[in-house]
Amino acid sequence: MRNRPRLFVGLPQLRNKFFTVDVANRRAINVYVWESEDAARSFFSEGLIEKVTQLYGVKPKVEFAEIAGIVDNSRRGLTQELGGTPSP
């Protein structure tokens, strides 16, 4: 896991990736934030899903959702409202 984040540094159109581990249920749930839905769908190709399945022995569950809003306390509160632009 230590080197995995480096694989995503500088990845075009990827804003953020959050790595999580659910030890009790023996699974990882990772959240990706992309510049666009097209970028997300392009990244999660059938080839990538097959590669991950072979690597971990389990087919990943990939879901897509629109971000309705973001609270980022490291940037002093609400940074983006529904359909809006970032607040100062």
Protein backbone atom coordinates (compact mmCIF):
# COMPACT_ATOMS: atom_id res chain seq x y z
CA MET A 1 0.00 0.00 0.00
CA ARG A 2 2.84 2.38 0.70
CA ASN A 3 3.74 2.88 -2.96
CA ARG A 4 0.22 2.76 -4.37
CA PRO A 5 -0.56 6.46 -3.87
CA ARG A 6 2.44 7.33 -6.05
CA LEU A 7 0.77 5.57 -8.97
CA PHE A 8 -1.94 8.24 -8.95
CA VAL A 9 0.15 11.37 -8.45
CA GLY A 10 -0.14 13.53 -11.56
CA LEU A 11 -2.72 11.26 -13.21
CA PRO A 12 -4.50 13.47 -15.76
CA GLN A 13 -8.01 14.57 -14.77
CA LEU A 14 -7.85 12.90 -11.34
CA ARG A 15 -8.52 15.52 -8.65
CA ASN A 16 -8.35 13.25 -5.59
CA LYS A 17 -8.20 9.62 -4.57
CA PHE A 18 -9.06 8.57 -1.03
CA PHE A 19 -7.66 5.21 0.06
CA THR A 20 -9.63 3.42 2.76
CA VAL A 21 -9.35 0.07 4.50
CA ASP A 22 -12.26 -1.67 6.21
CA VAL A 23 -10.36 -4.19 8.33
CA ALA A 24 -13.45 -5.73 9.92
CA ASN A 25 -14.92 -6.63 6.53
CA ARG A 26 -11.57 -7.29 4.84
CA ARG A 27 -12.06 -4.85 1.98
CA ALA A 28 -10.89 -1.57 0.58
CA ILE A 29 -13.26 1.16 -0.46
CA ASN A 30 -11.57 3.85 -2.50
CA VAL A 31 -13.11 7.10 -3.68
CA TYR A 32 -11.92 8.86 -6.80
CA VAL A 33 -12.85 12.44 -7.70
CA TRP A 34 -12.46 13.15 -11.40
CA GLU A 35 -12.68 16.29 -13.51
CA SER A 36 -15.53 14.70 -15.46
CA GLU A 37 -17.65 11.58 -15.65
CA ASP A 38 -16.08 10.81 -19.03
CA ALA A 39 -12.62 10.79 -17.41
CA ALA A 40 -13.84 8.43 -14.69
CA ARG A 41 -15.48 6.04 -17.11
CA SER A 42 -12.44 6.09 -19.37
CA PHE A 43 -10.14 5.15 -16.47
CA PHE A 44 -12.33 2.29 -15.27
CA SER A 45 -12.15 0.36 -18.52
CA GLU A 46 -13.01 -3.33 -18.81
CA GLY A 47 -9.27 -3.97 -19.12
CA LEU A 48 -8.52 -2.29 -15.81
CA ILE A 49 -11.35 -4.08 -14.05
CA GLU A 50 -10.06 -7.41 -15.39
CA LYS A 51 -6.51 -6.57 -14.26
CA VAL A 52 -7.69 -5.68 -10.73
CA THR A 53 -9.79 -8.84 -10.61
CA GLN A 54 -6.76 -10.96 -11.48
CA LEU A 55 -4.54 -9.11 -9.01
CA TYR A 56 -6.88 -9.39 -5.99
CA GLY A 57 -9.05 -12.36 -6.93
CA VAL A 58 -12.24 -10.32 -6.59
CA LYS A 59 -14.00 -8.23 -9.20
CA PRO A 60 -14.17 -4.62 -7.98
CA LYS A 61 -17.54 -2.96 -7.62
CA VAL A 62 -17.38 0.33 -9.50
CA GLU A 63 -20.09 2.91 -8.98
CA PHE A 64 -20.41 6.43 -10.36
CA ALA A 65 -22.06 9.35 -8.57
CA GLU A 66 -22.22 13.10 -8.99
CA ILE A 67 -20.77 15.17 -6.16
CA ALA A 68 -23.55 17.37 -4.81
CA GLY A 69 -21.32 19.42 -2.53
CA ILE A 70 -18.04 19.41 -0.69
CA VAL A 71 -17.06 20.49 2.81
CA ASP A 72 -13.31 20.86 3.14
CA ASN A 73 -12.43 22.08 6.61
CA SER A 74 -8.79 22.43 5.67
CA ARG A 75 -9.95 25.22 3.36
CA ARG A 76 -12.28 26.95 5.85
CA GLY A 77 -15.69 25.42 5.23
CA LEU A 78 -17.94 24.95 2.24
CA THR A 79 -15.85 24.97 -0.90
CA GLN A 80 -18.48 24.07 -3.46
CA GLU A 81 -22.24 24.24 -3.34
CA LEU A 82 -24.66 22.33 -5.53
CA GLY A 83 -23.86 23.23 -9.11
CA GLY A 84 -21.95 26.27 -7.93
CA THR A 85 -18.42 27.52 -8.03
CA PRO A 86 -15.88 27.34 -5.23
CA SER A 87 -16.42 29.86 -2.44
CA PRO A 88 -13.55 32.01 -1.18
